[in-house]
Amino acid sequence: MKVLIIGSTQYKEKMEAHVFELEEKGHVVALPAFDDHEELDALGVCKHNRSLLEQADEIHIIWDQRSFGTIFDLGMAFALRKKIKVVYLEPKTFAGVMRKWEEENAKAIT
């Protein structure tokens, strides 16, 4: 199976470990977050990633829930009707702060 890993570059070690695990199982893996394409501008990078998404059987996500590039790639994966697997999502996000705040407010009211 061809797997494309998308996500946040701050999780380089998690991503590389996941590549290793997948390759050990015989999968072909692409991890474009660390590709160096000096010849490409931002649109060129998006086109390159779209090509990788088109070729992939499955998209794996390791994400901080903040990266706009990953949101863009997720949108392309959705449009291409790709199967996804969430490997890791950062639990400490602003959405999490709002949920916790809401819970605390609900307790204070009752």
C-alpha atoms as a PDB file:
ATOM      1  CA  MET A   1       0.000   0.000   0.000  1.00  0.00           C
ATOM      2  CA  LYS A   2       1.178   3.551  -0.757  1.00  0.00           C
ATOM      3  CA  VAL A   3       0.907   5.770   2.320  1.00  0.00           C
ATOM      4  CA  LEU A   4       1.366   9.529   2.435  1.00  0.00           C
ATOM      5  CA  ILE A   5       2.076  11.076   5.839  1.00  0.00           C
ATOM      6  CA  ILE A   6       0.983  14.677   6.303  1.00  0.00           C
ATOM      7  CA  GLY A   7       1.176  16.888   9.345  1.00  0.00           C
ATOM      8  CA  SER A   8       3.221  19.262  11.423  1.00  0.00           C
ATOM      9  CA  THR A   9       6.994  19.371  11.049  1.00  0.00           C
ATOM     10  CA  GLN A  10       7.430  19.744  14.810  1.00  0.00           C
ATOM     11  CA  TYR A  11       6.616  16.022  15.056  1.00  0.00           C
ATOM     12  CA  LYS A  12       9.565  14.926  12.930  1.00  0.00           C
ATOM     13  CA  GLU A  13      10.525  12.085  15.281  1.00  0.00           C
ATOM     14  CA  LYS A  14       6.936  10.762  15.440  1.00  0.00           C
ATOM     15  CA  MET A  15       6.699  10.929  11.673  1.00  0.00           C
ATOM     16  CA  GLU A  16      10.004   9.188  11.078  1.00  0.00           C
ATOM     17  CA  ALA A  17       9.109   6.457  13.574  1.00  0.00           C
ATOM     18  CA  HIS A  18       5.806   5.954  11.777  1.00  0.00           C
ATOM     19  CA  VAL A  19       7.616   5.730   8.413  1.00  0.00           C
ATOM     20  CA  PHE A  20       9.859   3.030   9.873  1.00  0.00           C
ATOM     21  CA  GLU A  21       6.884   1.050  11.229  1.00  0.00           C
ATOM     22  CA  LEU A  22       5.057   1.211   7.911  1.00  0.00           C
ATOM     23  CA  GLU A  23       8.094   0.296   5.837  1.00  0.00           C
ATOM     24  CA  GLU A  24       8.749  -2.664   8.135  1.00  0.00           C
ATOM     25  CA  LYS A  25       5.270  -3.886   7.171  1.00  0.00           C
ATOM     26  CA  GLY A  26       6.089  -3.536   3.474  1.00  0.00           C
ATOM     27  CA  HIS A  27       4.293  -0.269   2.712  1.00  0.00           C
ATOM     28  CA  VAL A  28       5.688   2.399   0.393  1.00  0.00           C
ATOM     29  CA  VAL A  29       5.726   5.671   2.335  1.00  0.00           C
ATOM     30  CA  ALA A  30       6.040   9.335   1.329  1.00  0.00           C
ATOM     31  CA  LEU A  31       6.753  12.061   3.880  1.00  0.00           C
ATOM     32  CA  PRO A  32       6.835  15.337   1.920  1.00  0.00           C
ATOM     33  CA  ALA A  33       7.012  17.653   4.940  1.00  0.00           C
ATOM     34  CA  PHE A  34      10.800  17.400   4.892  1.00  0.00           C
ATOM     35  CA  ASP A  35      11.367  17.356   1.126  1.00  0.00           C
ATOM     36  CA  ASP A  36      13.582  20.175  -0.117  1.00  0.00           C
ATOM     37  CA  HIS A  37      12.236  21.669  -3.332  1.00  0.00           C
ATOM     38  CA  GLU A  38      14.118  24.929  -3.719  1.00  0.00           C
ATOM     39  CA  GLU A  39      12.984  25.125  -7.351  1.00  0.00           C
ATOM     40  CA  LEU A  40       9.304  25.215  -6.338  1.00  0.00           C
ATOM     41  CA  ASP A  41       7.351  28.212  -5.133  1.00  0.00           C
ATOM     42  CA  ALA A  42       4.422  27.784  -2.715  1.00  0.00           C
ATOM     43  CA  LEU A  43       1.995  26.873  -5.514  1.00  0.00           C
ATOM     44  CA  GLY A  44       4.498  24.376  -6.880  1.00  0.00           C
ATOM     45  CA  VAL A  45       4.730  22.706  -3.478  1.00  0.00           C
ATOM     46  CA  CYS A  46       0.923  22.455  -3.317  1.00  0.00           C
ATOM     47  CA  LYS A  47       0.866  20.862  -6.781  1.00  0.00           C
ATOM     48  CA  HIS A  48       3.625  18.434  -5.772  1.00  0.00           C
ATOM     49  CA  ASN A  49       1.704  17.448  -2.640  1.00  0.00           C
ATOM     50  CA  ARG A  50      -1.485  17.043  -4.675  1.00  0.00           C
ATOM     51  CA  SER A  51       0.347  14.628  -6.959  1.00  0.00           C
ATOM     52  CA  LEU A  52       1.511  12.615  -3.942  1.00  0.00           C
ATOM     53  CA  LEU A  53      -2.027  12.619  -2.558  1.00  0.00           C
ATOM     54  CA  GLU A  54      -3.397  11.360  -5.873  1.00  0.00           C
ATOM     55  CA  GLN A  55      -0.899   8.477  -5.901  1.00  0.00           C
ATOM     56  CA  ALA A  56      -1.472   7.441  -2.275  1.00  0.00           C
ATOM     57  CA  ASP A  57      -3.851   4.705  -1.183  1.00  0.00           C
ATOM     58  CA  GLU A  58      -4.107   6.102   2.352  1.00  0.00           C
ATOM     59  CA  ILE A  59      -3.242   9.369   4.096  1.00  0.00           C
ATOM     60  CA  HIS A  60      -1.845   9.272   7.638  1.00  0.00           C
ATOM     61  CA  ILE A  61      -2.051  12.384   9.810  1.00  0.00           C
ATOM     62  CA  ILE A  62       0.299  13.521  12.582  1.00  0.00           C
ATOM     63  CA  TRP A  63      -0.858  17.048  13.310  1.00  0.00           C
ATOM     64  CA  ASP A  64      -0.711  19.880  15.831  1.00  0.00           C
ATOM     65  CA  GLN A  65      -4.203  21.039  14.723  1.00  0.00           C
ATOM     66  CA  ARG A  66      -2.733  24.404  13.770  1.00  0.00           C
ATOM     67  CA  SER A  67      -0.787  23.936  10.515  1.00  0.00           C
ATOM     68  CA  PHE A  68      -2.580  25.608   7.597  1.00  0.00           C
ATOM     69  CA  GLY A  69      -0.599  23.513   5.118  1.00  0.00           C
ATOM     70  CA  THR A  70      -1.980  20.361   6.691  1.00  0.00           C
ATOM     71  CA  ILE A  71      -5.509  21.784   6.557  1.00  0.00           C
ATOM     72  CA  PHE A  72      -4.988  22.430   2.851  1.00  0.00           C
ATOM     73  CA  ASP A  73      -3.671  18.881   2.308  1.00  0.00           C
ATOM     74  CA  LEU A  74      -6.615  17.461   4.276  1.00  0.00           C
ATOM     75  CA  GLY A  75      -8.982  19.371   2.015  1.00  0.00           C
ATOM     76  CA  MET A  76      -7.319  17.888  -1.047  1.00  0.00           C
ATOM     77  CA  ALA A  77      -7.465  14.413   0.499  1.00  0.00           C
ATOM     78  CA  PHE A  78     -11.180  14.929   1.170  1.00  0.00           C
ATOM     79  CA  ALA A  79     -11.812  16.100  -2.390  1.00  0.00           C
ATOM     80  CA  LEU A  80      -9.921  13.075  -3.731  1.00  0.00           C
ATOM     81  CA  ARG A  81     -11.973  10.801  -1.426  1.00  0.00           C
ATOM     82  CA  LYS A  82      -8.853   9.325   0.154  1.00  0.00           C
ATOM     83  CA  LYS A  83      -8.931   7.001   3.125  1.00  0.00           C
ATOM     84  CA  ILE A  84      -7.332   8.634   6.176  1.00  0.00           C
ATOM     85  CA  LYS A  85      -5.847   7.392   9.409  1.00  0.00           C
ATOM     86  CA  VAL A  86      -5.284   9.759  12.313  1.00  0.00           C
ATOM     87  CA  VAL A  87      -2.015   8.695  13.905  1.00  0.00           C
ATOM     88  CA  TYR A  88      -1.637  11.620  16.323  1.00  0.00           C
ATOM     89  CA  LEU A  89      -3.476  14.859  17.068  1.00  0.00           C
ATOM     90  CA  GLU A  90      -2.040  17.348  19.530  1.00  0.00           C
ATOM     91  CA  PRO A  91      -4.403  17.403  22.509  1.00  0.00           C
ATOM     92  CA  LYS A  92      -3.331  20.840  23.758  1.00  0.00           C
ATOM     93  CA  THR A  93      -5.180  23.183  21.407  1.00  0.00           C
ATOM     94  CA  PHE A  94      -7.233  26.327  21.749  1.00  0.00           C
ATOM     95  CA  ALA A  95     -10.341  24.246  21.080  1.00  0.00           C
ATOM     96  CA  GLY A  96      -9.387  22.156  24.112  1.00  0.00           C
ATOM     97  CA  VAL A  97      -9.028  25.298  26.219  1.00  0.00           C
ATOM     98  CA  MET A  98     -12.513  26.437  25.207  1.00  0.00           C
ATOM     99  CA  ARG A  99     -14.034  23.025  26.020  1.00  0.00           C
ATOM    100  CA  LYS A 100     -12.392  22.942  29.437  1.00  0.00           C
ATOM    101  CA  TRP A 101     -13.456  26.525  30.139  1.00  0.00           C
ATOM    102  CA  GLU A 102     -17.030  25.656  29.159  1.00  0.00           C
ATOM    103  CA  GLU A 103     -16.989  22.640  31.514  1.00  0.00           C
ATOM    104  CA  GLU A 104     -15.693  24.782  34.387  1.00  0.00           C
ATOM    105  CA  ASN A 105     -18.385  27.398  33.719  1.00  0.00           C
ATOM    106  CA  ALA A 106     -21.115  24.755  33.688  1.00  0.00           C
ATOM    107  CA  LYS A 107     -19.943  23.485  37.092  1.00  0.00           C
ATOM    108  CA  ALA A 108     -19.871  26.982  38.535  1.00  0.00           C
ATOM    109  CA  ILE A 109     -23.433  27.712  37.410  1.00  0.00           C
ATOM    110  CA  THR A 110     -24.978  24.587  38.940  1.00  0.00           C
END
